[in-house]
C-alpha atoms as a PDB file:
ATOM      1  CA  MET A   1       4.434   4.644   8.871  1.00  0.00           C
ATOM      2  CA  GLN A   2       4.762   3.653  12.461  1.00  0.00           C
ATOM      3  CA  ARG A   3       1.922   1.915  14.212  1.00  0.00           C
ATOM      4  CA  ARG A   4       2.128   4.227  17.198  1.00  0.00           C
ATOM      5  CA  VAL A   5       1.726   7.180  14.827  1.00  0.00           C
ATOM      6  CA  LEU A   6      -1.282   5.503  13.222  1.00  0.00           C
ATOM      7  CA  GLY A   7      -2.832   5.066  16.659  1.00  0.00           C
ATOM      8  CA  LEU A   8      -2.294   8.722  17.485  1.00  0.00           C
ATOM      9  CA  ALA A   9      -3.681   9.832  14.126  1.00  0.00           C
ATOM     10  CA  ILE A  10      -6.762   7.709  14.623  1.00  0.00           C
ATOM     11  CA  ALA A  11      -7.293   9.215  18.056  1.00  0.00           C
ATOM     12  CA  VAL A  12      -7.119  12.692  16.540  1.00  0.00           C
ATOM     13  CA  VAL A  13      -9.669  11.725  13.893  1.00  0.00           C
ATOM     14  CA  THR A  14     -12.012  10.366  16.542  1.00  0.00           C
ATOM     15  CA  VAL A  15     -11.844  13.613  18.487  1.00  0.00           C
ATOM     16  CA  ALA A  16     -12.375  15.658  15.310  1.00  0.00           C
ATOM     17  CA  ALA A  17     -15.372  13.571  14.312  1.00  0.00           C
ATOM     18  CA  ALA A  18     -16.909  13.964  17.735  1.00  0.00           C
ATOM     19  CA  ALA A  19     -16.480  17.717  17.488  1.00  0.00           C
ATOM     20  CA  GLY A  20     -18.068  17.777  14.038  1.00  0.00           C
ATOM     21  CA  CYS A  21     -15.214  19.774  12.548  1.00  0.00           C
ATOM     22  CA  GLY A  22     -14.982  18.191   9.087  1.00  0.00           C
ATOM     23  CA  SER A  23     -14.715  20.681   6.224  1.00  0.00           C
ATOM     24  CA  SER A  24     -17.664  21.375   3.948  1.00  0.00           C
ATOM     25  CA  SER A  25     -15.754  20.062   0.912  1.00  0.00           C
ATOM     26  CA  GLY A  26     -15.004  16.873   2.837  1.00  0.00           C
ATOM     27  CA  THR A  27     -18.679  16.396   3.614  1.00  0.00           C
ATOM     28  CA  GLY A  28     -19.639  16.900  -0.006  1.00  0.00           C
ATOM     29  CA  GLY A  29     -16.659  14.963  -1.279  1.00  0.00           C
ATOM     30  CA  SER A  30     -15.362  17.680  -3.571  1.00  0.00           C
ATOM     31  CA  SER A  31     -15.222  21.333  -4.462  1.00  0.00           C
ATOM     32  CA  SER A  32     -16.503  22.543  -7.819  1.00  0.00           C
ATOM     33  CA  SER A  33     -14.272  24.269 -10.321  1.00  0.00           C
ATOM     34  CA  ALA A  34     -16.104  27.214 -11.883  1.00  0.00           C
ATOM     35  CA  GLY A  35     -14.261  27.362 -15.218  1.00  0.00           C
ATOM     36  CA  ASP A  36     -14.967  24.000 -16.805  1.00  0.00           C
ATOM     37  CA  LYS A  37     -17.675  22.551 -14.569  1.00  0.00           C
ATOM     38  CA  THR A  38     -15.411  19.832 -13.246  1.00  0.00           C
ATOM     39  CA  THR A  39     -15.180  18.734  -9.636  1.00  0.00           C
ATOM     40  CA  GLN A  40     -11.825  18.962  -7.902  1.00  0.00           C
ATOM     41  CA  VAL A  41     -10.955  15.702  -6.181  1.00  0.00           C
ATOM     42  CA  LYS A  42      -7.935  15.337  -3.906  1.00  0.00           C
ATOM     43  CA  VAL A  43      -6.313  11.928  -3.448  1.00  0.00           C
ATOM     44  CA  GLY A  44      -3.800  11.246  -0.690  1.00  0.00           C
ATOM     45  CA  ILE A  45      -1.042   9.047  -2.093  1.00  0.00           C
ATOM     46  CA  ILE A  46       2.456   7.799  -1.354  1.00  0.00           C
ATOM     47  CA  PRO A  47       4.809   8.668  -4.263  1.00  0.00           C
ATOM     48  CA  ILE A  48       5.732   5.088  -5.165  1.00  0.00           C
ATOM     49  CA  VAL A  49       5.561   2.919  -8.282  1.00  0.00           C
ATOM     50  CA  ASP A  50       2.210   1.426  -7.209  1.00  0.00           C
ATOM     51  CA  VAL A  51       0.248   4.616  -7.954  1.00  0.00           C
ATOM     52  CA  ALA A  52       1.544   5.029 -11.520  1.00  0.00           C
ATOM     53  CA  PRO A  53      -1.903   4.202 -13.001  1.00  0.00           C
ATOM     54  CA  LEU A  54      -3.394   7.221 -11.249  1.00  0.00           C
ATOM     55  CA  TYR A  55      -0.915   9.552 -12.931  1.00  0.00           C
ATOM     56  CA  LEU A  56      -1.367   7.794 -16.260  1.00  0.00           C
ATOM     57  CA  GLY A  57      -5.144   8.106 -15.971  1.00  0.00           C
ATOM     58  CA  GLN A  58      -4.807  11.800 -15.271  1.00  0.00           C
ATOM     59  CA  LYS A  59      -2.544  12.260 -18.310  1.00  0.00           C
ATOM     60  CA  LYS A  60      -4.866  10.274 -20.577  1.00  0.00           C
ATOM     61  CA  GLY A  61      -7.947  12.220 -19.494  1.00  0.00           C
ATOM     62  CA  PHE A  62      -9.793   9.314 -17.884  1.00  0.00           C
ATOM     63  CA  PHE A  63     -10.731  11.471 -14.893  1.00  0.00           C
ATOM     64  CA  ARG A  64     -11.382  14.687 -16.783  1.00  0.00           C
ATOM     65  CA  SER A  65     -13.802  12.878 -19.119  1.00  0.00           C
ATOM     66  CA  ARG A  66     -15.865  12.035 -16.044  1.00  0.00           C
ATOM     67  CA  GLY A  67     -15.854  15.594 -14.726  1.00  0.00           C
ATOM     68  CA  ILE A  68     -13.056  15.046 -12.205  1.00  0.00           C
ATOM     69  CA  ASP A  69     -10.186  17.495 -11.797  1.00  0.00           C
ATOM     70  CA  LEU A  70      -7.734  15.119 -10.101  1.00  0.00           C
ATOM     71  CA  LYS A  71      -5.182  16.429  -7.614  1.00  0.00           C
ATOM     72  CA  MET A  72      -2.630  14.078  -6.056  1.00  0.00           C
ATOM     73  CA  GLU A  73      -1.314  15.105  -2.648  1.00  0.00           C
ATOM     74  CA  THR A  74       1.625  13.196  -1.230  1.00  0.00           C
ATOM     75  CA  ALA A  75       1.934  11.994   2.347  1.00  0.00           C
ATOM     76  CA  GLN A  76       4.509   9.960   4.247  1.00  0.00           C
ATOM     77  CA  GLY A  77       2.152   7.036   4.673  1.00  0.00           C
ATOM     78  CA  GLY A  78      -1.221   5.748   5.736  1.00  0.00           C
ATOM     79  CA  ALA A  79      -0.847   7.307   9.184  1.00  0.00           C
ATOM     80  CA  ALA A  80      -1.408  10.663   7.495  1.00  0.00           C
ATOM     81  CA  ILE A  81      -3.642   9.549   4.626  1.00  0.00           C
ATOM     82  CA  ILE A  82      -6.282   7.668   6.644  1.00  0.00           C
ATOM     83  CA  PRO A  83      -7.177  10.541   8.995  1.00  0.00           C
ATOM     84  CA  GLY A  84      -6.891  12.949   6.058  1.00  0.00           C
ATOM     85  CA  VAL A  85      -9.597  11.025   4.213  1.00  0.00           C
ATOM     86  CA  VAL A  86     -11.852  10.796   7.255  1.00  0.00           C
ATOM     87  CA  SER A  87     -11.551  14.536   8.005  1.00  0.00           C
ATOM     88  CA  GLY A  88     -12.219  15.558   4.386  1.00  0.00           C
ATOM     89  CA  GLN A  89      -8.703  16.808   3.600  1.00  0.00           C
ATOM     90  CA  PHE A  90      -8.688  14.174   0.844  1.00  0.00           C
ATOM     91  CA  GLN A  91     -11.745  12.679  -0.849  1.00  0.00           C
ATOM     92  CA  PHE A  92      -9.837   9.439  -1.508  1.00  0.00           C
ATOM     93  CA  GLY A  93      -6.636   7.813  -0.318  1.00  0.00           C
ATOM     94  CA  PHE A  94      -4.234   4.956  -1.116  1.00  0.00           C
ATOM     95  CA  SER A  95      -3.143   2.416   1.498  1.00  0.00           C
ATOM     96  CA  ASN A  96      -2.116  -1.193   1.909  1.00  0.00           C
ATOM     97  CA  VAL A  97      -5.026  -3.402   2.878  1.00  0.00           C
ATOM     98  CA  THR A  98      -3.653  -4.484   6.264  1.00  0.00           C
ATOM     99  CA  SER A  99      -3.481  -0.847   7.379  1.00  0.00           C
ATOM    100  CA  LEU A 100      -7.117  -0.424   6.291  1.00  0.00           C
ATOM    101  CA  MET A 101      -8.109  -3.527   8.239  1.00  0.00           C
ATOM    102  CA  ILE A 102      -6.322  -2.260  11.354  1.00  0.00           C
ATOM    103  CA  ALA A 103      -8.041   1.124  11.045  1.00  0.00           C
ATOM    104  CA  GLN A 104     -11.457  -0.497  10.633  1.00  0.00           C
ATOM    105  CA  THR A 105     -11.018  -2.595  13.772  1.00  0.00           C
ATOM    106  CA  LYS A 106     -10.350   0.712  15.558  1.00  0.00           C
ATOM    107  CA  SER A 107     -13.763   1.957  14.325  1.00  0.00           C
ATOM    108  CA  VAL A 108     -12.314   4.395  11.785  1.00  0.00           C
ATOM    109  CA  PRO A 109     -15.141   5.019   9.248  1.00  0.00           C
ATOM    110  CA  ILE A 110     -13.517   4.091   5.933  1.00  0.00           C
ATOM    111  CA  LYS A 111     -14.403   1.935   2.945  1.00  0.00           C
ATOM    112  CA  SER A 112     -12.275   0.651   0.063  1.00  0.00           C
ATOM    113  CA  VAL A 113     -13.780   1.694  -3.280  1.00  0.00           C
ATOM    114  CA  VAL A 114     -11.459   0.311  -5.975  1.00  0.00           C
ATOM    115  CA  ASN A 115      -8.404  -1.903  -6.291  1.00  0.00           C
ATOM    116  CA  GLY A 116      -4.866  -0.528  -6.248  1.00  0.00           C
ATOM    117  CA  THR A 117      -2.036  -3.047  -6.643  1.00  0.00           C
ATOM    118  CA  ALA A 118      -1.340  -6.754  -6.413  1.00  0.00           C
ATOM    119  CA  SER A 119       1.611  -9.128  -6.286  1.00  0.00           C
ATOM    120  CA  THR A 120       3.121 -10.309  -9.562  1.00  0.00           C
ATOM    121  CA  GLY A 121       2.746 -13.857  -8.247  1.00  0.00           C
ATOM    122  CA  ASP A 122       6.315 -14.564  -9.387  1.00  0.00           C
ATOM    123  CA  THR A 123       8.437 -15.756  -6.469  1.00  0.00           C
ATOM    124  CA  GLY A 124      11.560 -14.893  -8.423  1.00  0.00           C
ATOM    125  CA  LYS A 125      10.477 -11.392  -9.395  1.00  0.00           C
ATOM    126  CA  ASP A 126       7.965  -9.661  -7.158  1.00  0.00           C
ATOM    127  CA  ILE A 127       7.659  -6.082  -5.924  1.00  0.00           C
ATOM    128  CA  SER A 128       9.054  -6.981  -2.509  1.00  0.00           C
ATOM    129  CA  GLY A 129      11.467  -9.581  -1.231  1.00  0.00           C
ATOM    130  CA  VAL A 130      13.512 -10.604   1.774  1.00  0.00           C
ATOM    131  CA  ALA A 131      17.084  -9.719   0.869  1.00  0.00           C
ATOM    132  CA  VAL A 132      20.329 -10.764   2.532  1.00  0.00           C
ATOM    133  CA  LYS A 133      23.930  -9.722   1.976  1.00  0.00           C
ATOM    134  CA  GLU A 134      25.720 -11.478  -0.850  1.00  0.00           C
ATOM    135  CA  ASN A 135      27.928 -13.554   1.485  1.00  0.00           C
ATOM    136  CA  SER A 136      25.211 -14.224   4.082  1.00  0.00           C
ATOM    137  CA  PRO A 137      24.872 -17.832   5.295  1.00  0.00           C
ATOM    138  CA  ILE A 138      21.069 -17.454   5.066  1.00  0.00           C
ATOM    139  CA  LYS A 139      19.844 -19.451   2.068  1.00  0.00           C
ATOM    140  CA  SER A 140      16.124 -19.902   2.714  1.00  0.00           C
ATOM    141  CA  ALA A 141      13.150 -18.462   4.575  1.00  0.00           C
ATOM    142  CA  LYS A 142      13.292 -20.928   7.475  1.00  0.00           C
ATOM    143  CA  GLU A 143      16.808 -19.726   8.287  1.00  0.00           C
ATOM    144  CA  LEU A 144      15.408 -16.280   9.133  1.00  0.00           C
ATOM    145  CA  ALA A 145      14.327 -17.697  12.517  1.00  0.00           C
ATOM    146  CA  GLY A 146      16.587 -16.211  15.183  1.00  0.00           C
ATOM    147  CA  LYS A 147      17.784 -13.500  12.796  1.00  0.00           C
ATOM    148  CA  THR A 148      17.128  -9.741  12.692  1.00  0.00           C
ATOM    149  CA  VAL A 149      14.878  -8.716   9.795  1.00  0.00           C
ATOM    150  CA  ALA A 150      14.073  -5.108   8.877  1.00  0.00           C
ATOM    151  CA  VAL A 151      10.531  -4.145   7.864  1.00  0.00           C
ATOM    152  CA  ASN A 152       9.208  -0.679   7.105  1.00  0.00           C
ATOM    153  CA  THR A 153       6.364  -0.960   9.645  1.00  0.00           C
ATOM    154  CA  LEU A 154       6.017  -3.301  12.604  1.00  0.00           C
ATOM    155  CA  GLN A 155       2.827  -5.312  13.009  1.00  0.00           C
ATOM    156  CA  ASN A 156       1.635  -4.799   9.451  1.00  0.00           C
ATOM    157  CA  ILE A 157       1.587  -6.480   6.035  1.00  0.00           C
ATOM    158  CA  GLY A 158       5.393  -6.866   5.934  1.00  0.00           C
ATOM    159  CA  ASP A 159       6.150  -8.869   9.061  1.00  0.00           C
ATOM    160  CA  THR A 160       2.863 -10.773   8.727  1.00  0.00           C
ATOM    161  CA  THR A 161       3.782 -12.129   5.290  1.00  0.00           C
ATOM    162  CA  VAL A 162       7.425 -12.705   6.292  1.00  0.00           C
ATOM    163  CA  ARG A 163       6.251 -14.857   9.199  1.00  0.00           C
ATOM    164  CA  GLU A 164       4.068 -16.805   6.796  1.00  0.00           C
ATOM    165  CA  VAL A 165       6.933 -17.691   4.433  1.00  0.00           C
ATOM    166  CA  VAL A 166       9.101 -18.734   7.383  1.00  0.00           C
ATOM    167  CA  ARG A 167       6.243 -20.921   8.629  1.00  0.00           C
ATOM    168  CA  LYS A 168       5.693 -22.449   5.185  1.00  0.00           C
ATOM    169  CA  ASP A 169       9.399 -23.270   4.889  1.00  0.00           C
ATOM    170  CA  GLY A 170       9.415 -25.150   8.187  1.00  0.00           C
ATOM    171  CA  GLY A 171      10.925 -22.447  10.377  1.00  0.00           C
ATOM    172  CA  ASP A 172       9.645 -20.934  13.628  1.00  0.00           C
ATOM    173  CA  PRO A 173       8.125 -17.521  12.786  1.00  0.00           C
ATOM    174  CA  SER A 174       7.982 -16.515  16.456  1.00  0.00           C
ATOM    175  CA  LYS A 175      11.785 -16.430  16.549  1.00  0.00           C
ATOM    176  CA  VAL A 176      12.208 -13.827  13.813  1.00  0.00           C
ATOM    177  CA  LYS A 177      13.387 -10.522  15.311  1.00  0.00           C
ATOM    178  CA  PHE A 178      11.819  -7.596  13.451  1.00  0.00           C
ATOM    179  CA  VAL A 179      13.143  -4.040  13.508  1.00  0.00           C
ATOM    180  CA  GLU A 180      11.481  -1.016  11.930  1.00  0.00           C
ATOM    181  CA  MET A 181      13.339   0.870   9.218  1.00  0.00           C
ATOM    182  CA  PRO A 182      12.429   2.942   6.121  1.00  0.00           C
ATOM    183  CA  PHE A 183      12.823   1.074   2.837  1.00  0.00           C
ATOM    184  CA  ASP A 184      15.403   3.518   1.500  1.00  0.00           C
ATOM    185  CA  GLN A 185      17.721   2.816   4.473  1.00  0.00           C
ATOM    186  CA  MET A 186      17.598  -0.962   4.086  1.00  0.00           C
ATOM    187  CA  PRO A 187      20.227  -1.453   1.343  1.00  0.00           C
ATOM    188  CA  ALA A 188      22.873   0.332   3.430  1.00  0.00           C
ATOM    189  CA  ALA A 189      21.794  -1.499   6.602  1.00  0.00           C
ATOM    190  CA  LEU A 190      22.216  -4.829   4.822  1.00  0.00           C
ATOM    191  CA  ASP A 191      25.568  -3.858   3.378  1.00  0.00           C
ATOM    192  CA  SER A 192      26.913  -2.745   6.769  1.00  0.00           C
ATOM    193  CA  GLY A 193      25.597  -5.800   8.620  1.00  0.00           C
ATOM    194  CA  GLN A 194      23.251  -3.727  10.783  1.00  0.00           C
ATOM    195  CA  VAL A 195      20.535  -6.323  10.085  1.00  0.00           C
ATOM    196  CA  ASP A 196      20.722  -9.940   8.930  1.00  0.00           C
ATOM    197  CA  ALA A 197      17.968  -9.521   6.357  1.00  0.00           C
ATOM    198  CA  ALA A 198      15.455  -6.961   5.150  1.00  0.00           C
ATOM    199  CA  TRP A 199      11.992  -7.145   3.669  1.00  0.00           C
ATOM    200  CA  VAL A 200      12.539  -4.609   0.921  1.00  0.00           C
ATOM    201  CA  GLY A 201      10.028  -3.022  -1.462  1.00  0.00           C
ATOM    202  CA  GLU A 202      10.712  -1.478  -4.852  1.00  0.00           C
ATOM    203  CA  PRO A 203      12.692   0.542  -5.823  1.00  0.00           C
ATOM    204  CA  ALA A 204      14.911  -0.132  -2.785  1.00  0.00           C
ATOM    205  CA  LEU A 205      14.850  -3.838  -3.674  1.00  0.00           C
ATOM    206  CA  THR A 206      16.454  -3.190  -7.055  1.00  0.00           C
ATOM    207  CA  ILE A 207      19.011  -0.890  -5.406  1.00  0.00           C
ATOM    208  CA  ALA A 208      19.894  -3.591  -2.853  1.00  0.00           C
ATOM    209  CA  LYS A 209      20.285  -6.219  -5.576  1.00  0.00           C
ATOM    210  CA  GLY A 210      22.531  -3.816  -7.455  1.00  0.00           C
ATOM    211  CA  GLN A 211      24.786  -3.824  -4.387  1.00  0.00           C
ATOM    212  CA  GLY A 212      24.992  -7.607  -4.475  1.00  0.00           C
ATOM    213  CA  ALA A 213      22.114  -8.552  -2.156  1.00  0.00           C
ATOM    214  CA  ARG A 214      20.350 -11.890  -2.693  1.00  0.00           C
ATOM    215  CA  VAL A 215      16.598 -12.487  -2.392  1.00  0.00           C
ATOM    216  CA  VAL A 216      15.800 -15.559  -0.274  1.00  0.00           C
ATOM    217  CA  ALA A 217      12.002 -15.190  -0.116  1.00  0.00           C
ATOM    218  CA  SER A 218       9.138 -13.342  -1.816  1.00  0.00           C
ATOM    219  CA  PRO A 219       6.573 -12.919   0.991  1.00  0.00           C
ATOM    220  CA  PHE A 220       3.752 -11.453  -1.111  1.00  0.00           C
ATOM    221  CA  ALA A 221       3.879 -14.019  -3.918  1.00  0.00           C
ATOM    222  CA  GLU A 222       4.500 -16.915  -1.535  1.00  0.00           C
ATOM    223  CA  THR A 223       1.660 -15.926   0.788  1.00  0.00           C
ATOM    224  CA  ASP A 224      -0.750 -15.790  -2.153  1.00  0.00           C
ATOM    225  CA  PRO A 225       0.196 -15.415  -5.843  1.00  0.00           C
ATOM    226  CA  ASN A 226      -2.907 -13.233  -6.327  1.00  0.00           C
ATOM    227  CA  LEU A 227      -2.326 -11.148  -3.205  1.00  0.00           C
ATOM    228  CA  THR A 228      -4.234  -7.853  -3.140  1.00  0.00           C
ATOM    229  CA  ILE A 229      -1.745  -5.443  -1.584  1.00  0.00           C
ATOM    230  CA  ALA A 230      -3.267  -1.960  -1.623  1.00  0.00           C
ATOM    231  CA  THR A 231      -6.471  -0.180  -2.614  1.00  0.00           C
ATOM    232  CA  TYR A 232      -8.005   3.269  -2.927  1.00  0.00           C
ATOM    233  CA  PHE A 233     -10.491   4.144  -0.190  1.00  0.00           C
ATOM    234  CA  ALA A 234     -12.893   6.836   0.967  1.00  0.00           C
ATOM    235  CA  SER A 235     -14.702   7.776   4.146  1.00  0.00           C
ATOM    236  CA  THR A 236     -17.997   5.957   4.664  1.00  0.00           C
ATOM    237  CA  LYS A 237     -19.543   9.424   4.903  1.00  0.00           C
ATOM    238  CA  LEU A 238     -18.508  10.231   1.331  1.00  0.00           C
ATOM    239  CA  THR A 239     -19.737   6.891  -0.021  1.00  0.00           C
ATOM    240  CA  GLN A 240     -23.143   7.552   1.527  1.00  0.00           C
ATOM    241  CA  GLU A 241     -23.496  11.254   0.704  1.00  0.00           C
ATOM    242  CA  ASN A 242     -21.885  11.410  -2.741  1.00  0.00           C
ATOM    243  CA  PRO A 243     -22.161   7.958  -4.358  1.00  0.00           C
ATOM    244  CA  ASP A 244     -22.070   9.493  -7.849  1.00  0.00           C
ATOM    245  CA  LEU A 245     -18.598  10.930  -7.267  1.00  0.00           C
ATOM    246  CA  VAL A 246     -17.416   7.623  -5.842  1.00  0.00           C
ATOM    247  CA  LYS A 247     -18.795   5.814  -8.896  1.00  0.00           C
ATOM    248  CA  LYS A 248     -17.046   8.159 -11.331  1.00  0.00           C
ATOM    249  CA  PHE A 249     -13.749   7.931  -9.430  1.00  0.00           C
ATOM    250  CA  THR A 250     -13.970   4.141  -9.319  1.00  0.00           C
ATOM    251  CA  GLU A 251     -14.669   3.960 -13.059  1.00  0.00           C
ATOM    252  CA  ALA A 252     -11.741   6.267 -13.867  1.00  0.00           C
ATOM    253  CA  VAL A 253      -9.321   4.326 -11.658  1.00  0.00           C
ATOM    254  CA  THR A 254     -10.488   1.023 -13.159  1.00  0.00           C
ATOM    255  CA  GLU A 255      -9.824   2.360 -16.668  1.00  0.00           C
ATOM    256  CA  SER A 256      -6.421   3.624 -15.479  1.00  0.00           C
ATOM    257  CA  LEU A 257      -5.485   0.230 -14.002  1.00  0.00           C
ATOM    258  CA  LYS A 258      -6.391  -1.491 -17.258  1.00  0.00           C
ATOM    259  CA  TYR A 259      -4.394   1.007 -19.327  1.00  0.00           C
ATOM    260  CA  ALA A 260      -1.315   0.699 -17.091  1.00  0.00           C
ATOM    261  CA  SER A 261      -1.491  -3.091 -17.270  1.00  0.00           C
ATOM    262  CA  GLU A 262      -1.620  -2.976 -21.071  1.00  0.00           C
ATOM    263  CA  HIS A 263       1.082  -0.283 -21.416  1.00  0.00           C
ATOM    264  CA  PRO A 264       3.822  -1.135 -18.868  1.00  0.00           C
ATOM    265  CA  ASP A 265       6.438   0.999 -20.619  1.00  0.00           C
ATOM    266  CA  GLU A 266       4.232   4.076 -20.248  1.00  0.00           C
ATOM    267  CA  ALA A 267       3.551   3.157 -16.629  1.00  0.00           C
ATOM    268  CA  ARG A 268       7.258   2.860 -15.948  1.00  0.00           C
ATOM    269  CA  GLN A 269       7.994   6.186 -17.653  1.00  0.00           C
ATOM    270  CA  ILE A 270       5.270   8.117 -15.789  1.00  0.00           C
ATOM    271  CA  VAL A 271       7.015   7.255 -12.515  1.00  0.00           C
ATOM    272  CA  THR A 272       9.795   9.704 -13.428  1.00  0.00           C
ATOM    273  CA  THR A 273       7.285  12.572 -13.291  1.00  0.00           C
ATOM    274  CA  TYR A 274       6.565  12.202  -9.570  1.00  0.00           C
ATOM    275  CA  THR A 275       9.635  10.464  -8.071  1.00  0.00           C
ATOM    276  CA  LYS A 276      13.404  10.886  -8.127  1.00  0.00           C
ATOM    277  CA  ILE A 277      14.118   7.282  -9.064  1.00  0.00           C
ATOM    278  CA  ASP A 278      17.382   6.884 -10.951  1.00  0.00           C
ATOM    279  CA  GLY A 279      16.958   6.024 -14.623  1.00  0.00           C
ATOM    280  CA  GLU A 280      18.947   2.787 -14.418  1.00  0.00           C
ATOM    281  CA  VAL A 281      17.004   1.636 -11.363  1.00  0.00           C
ATOM    282  CA  LEU A 282      13.735   2.461 -13.116  1.00  0.00           C
ATOM    283  CA  LYS A 283      14.662   0.211 -16.051  1.00  0.00           C
ATOM    284  CA  LYS A 284      15.333  -2.765 -13.764  1.00  0.00           C
ATOM    285  CA  LEU A 285      12.696  -2.496 -11.046  1.00  0.00           C
ATOM    286  CA  THR A 286       9.712  -4.818 -10.996  1.00  0.00           C
ATOM    287  CA  LEU A 287       6.293  -3.283 -11.559  1.00  0.00           C
ATOM    288  CA  PRO A 288       3.299  -4.531  -9.575  1.00  0.00           C
ATOM    289  CA  THR A 289       0.250  -5.903 -11.314  1.00  0.00           C
ATOM    290  CA  TRP A 290      -2.854  -3.738 -11.476  1.00  0.00           C
ATOM    291  CA  PRO A 291      -5.950  -5.981 -11.616  1.00  0.00           C
ATOM    292  CA  ALA A 292      -9.308  -4.234 -11.615  1.00  0.00           C
ATOM    293  CA  GLU A 293     -10.789  -6.507  -8.945  1.00  0.00           C
ATOM    294  CA  TYR A 294      -9.839  -7.436  -5.396  1.00  0.00           C
ATOM    295  CA  ASP A 295      -8.848 -11.027  -4.769  1.00  0.00           C
ATOM    296  CA  ARG A 296     -11.175 -12.019  -1.938  1.00  0.00           C
ATOM    297  CA  ALA A 297      -9.307 -15.200  -1.005  1.00  0.00           C
ATOM    298  CA  SER A 298      -6.076 -13.262  -0.510  1.00  0.00           C
ATOM    299  CA  LEU A 299      -7.848 -10.698   1.690  1.00  0.00           C
ATOM    300  CA  GLU A 300      -9.205 -13.515   3.822  1.00  0.00           C
ATOM    301  CA  LYS A 301      -5.690 -14.953   4.050  1.00  0.00           C
ATOM    302  CA  LEU A 302      -4.286 -11.628   5.273  1.00  0.00           C
ATOM    303  CA  THR A 303      -7.121 -11.364   7.795  1.00  0.00           C
ATOM    304  CA  SER A 304      -6.335 -14.816   9.138  1.00  0.00           C
ATOM    305  CA  LEU A 305      -2.614 -14.065   9.387  1.00  0.00           C
ATOM    306  CA  GLY A 306      -3.291 -10.713  11.048  1.00  0.00           C
ATOM    307  CA  GLU A 307      -5.488 -12.388  13.642  1.00  0.00           C
ATOM    308  CA  GLN A 308      -2.798 -14.980  14.230  1.00  0.00           C
ATOM    309  CA  ASP A 309      -0.225 -12.227  14.772  1.00  0.00           C
ATOM    310  CA  GLY A 310      -2.568 -10.267  17.062  1.00  0.00           C
ATOM    311  CA  ILE A 311      -2.418  -7.021  15.066  1.00  0.00           C
ATOM    312  CA  PHE A 312      -6.188  -6.418  15.194  1.00  0.00           C
ATOM    313  CA  GLY A 313      -6.436  -6.133  18.966  1.00  0.00           C
ATOM    314  CA  GLY A 314      -8.760  -9.102  19.303  1.00  0.00           C
ATOM    315  CA  LYS A 315     -11.247  -7.771  16.737  1.00  0.00           C
ATOM    316  CA  LYS A 316     -11.843  -9.222  13.283  1.00  0.00           C
ATOM    317  CA  PRO A 317     -12.034  -6.941  10.238  1.00  0.00           C
ATOM    318  CA  ASP A 318     -15.385  -6.957   8.469  1.00  0.00           C
ATOM    319  CA  LEU A 319     -14.292  -7.657   4.893  1.00  0.00           C
ATOM    320  CA  ASP A 320     -17.828  -7.364   3.534  1.00  0.00           C
ATOM    321  CA  ALA A 321     -18.143  -3.845   4.917  1.00  0.00           C
ATOM    322  CA  LEU A 322     -14.618  -2.770   4.019  1.00  0.00           C
ATOM    323  CA  PHE A 323     -14.224  -4.243   0.521  1.00  0.00           C
ATOM    324  CA  SER A 324     -17.716  -4.808  -0.871  1.00  0.00           C
END
């Protein structure tokens, strides 16, 4: 997602809220299914590896056993999911935590309700990495200073953590030149020399490595080995008006995260049901970890880095309100 799009989407949500035009199902948090007395719940997601537990939980009946008829609806990114949750189009959504922090500092009424994904903590094998072409002279993070680095979204979790690894390695993070580019375009951009390096997420990272790219830094794991990356969230209106639904959803997701963590082969296989990832790539890509709890220290670290980078517009996210 692009930050300018997020800003526009937030403005639209603000206008809609002021006009009081949320749907009745959004206000109630769900719509009842007459046949089996379940409640239909829509979740806005991005069709990536990170949300595999949600699909596994649906298959295993973790949601149905709690009276939830789960429906996943795909979106291009948080720019669409965040306003969709606030307006009632979705009861819940999935987003990286920096995007949620940015939205909160813009007074968007959202609240994280359960964890989503975390870094593997392995600097040699994480779910994202800064890749360079096989014959690139860049050997370490500090050498990214003065170079062009692709990220999927400017002023977000990608460039913030890349700056941190450059800083930690003794380089000048202010001299890194970031350009915005979708993950799936990064392998070709690296190969053609369009960029010097790219912060690539899975499965594009595995594709890039298959083309000979080298990973010179693992920003998530190096920023914090327990880094909380993304969570599931709801509107504050839903959490206040339908806490029972929120509780049941949170319990089902927590059970799904635990199951996915204990059955990685099933988690990997379920990805083929909602993506077009090539079979060989699927075998090699790195799965995230799916802890049930947020890591508070890592959230505080991302807040500090975001403030340092100026992505919160001078405001500080209220972590107690957003992640309690």
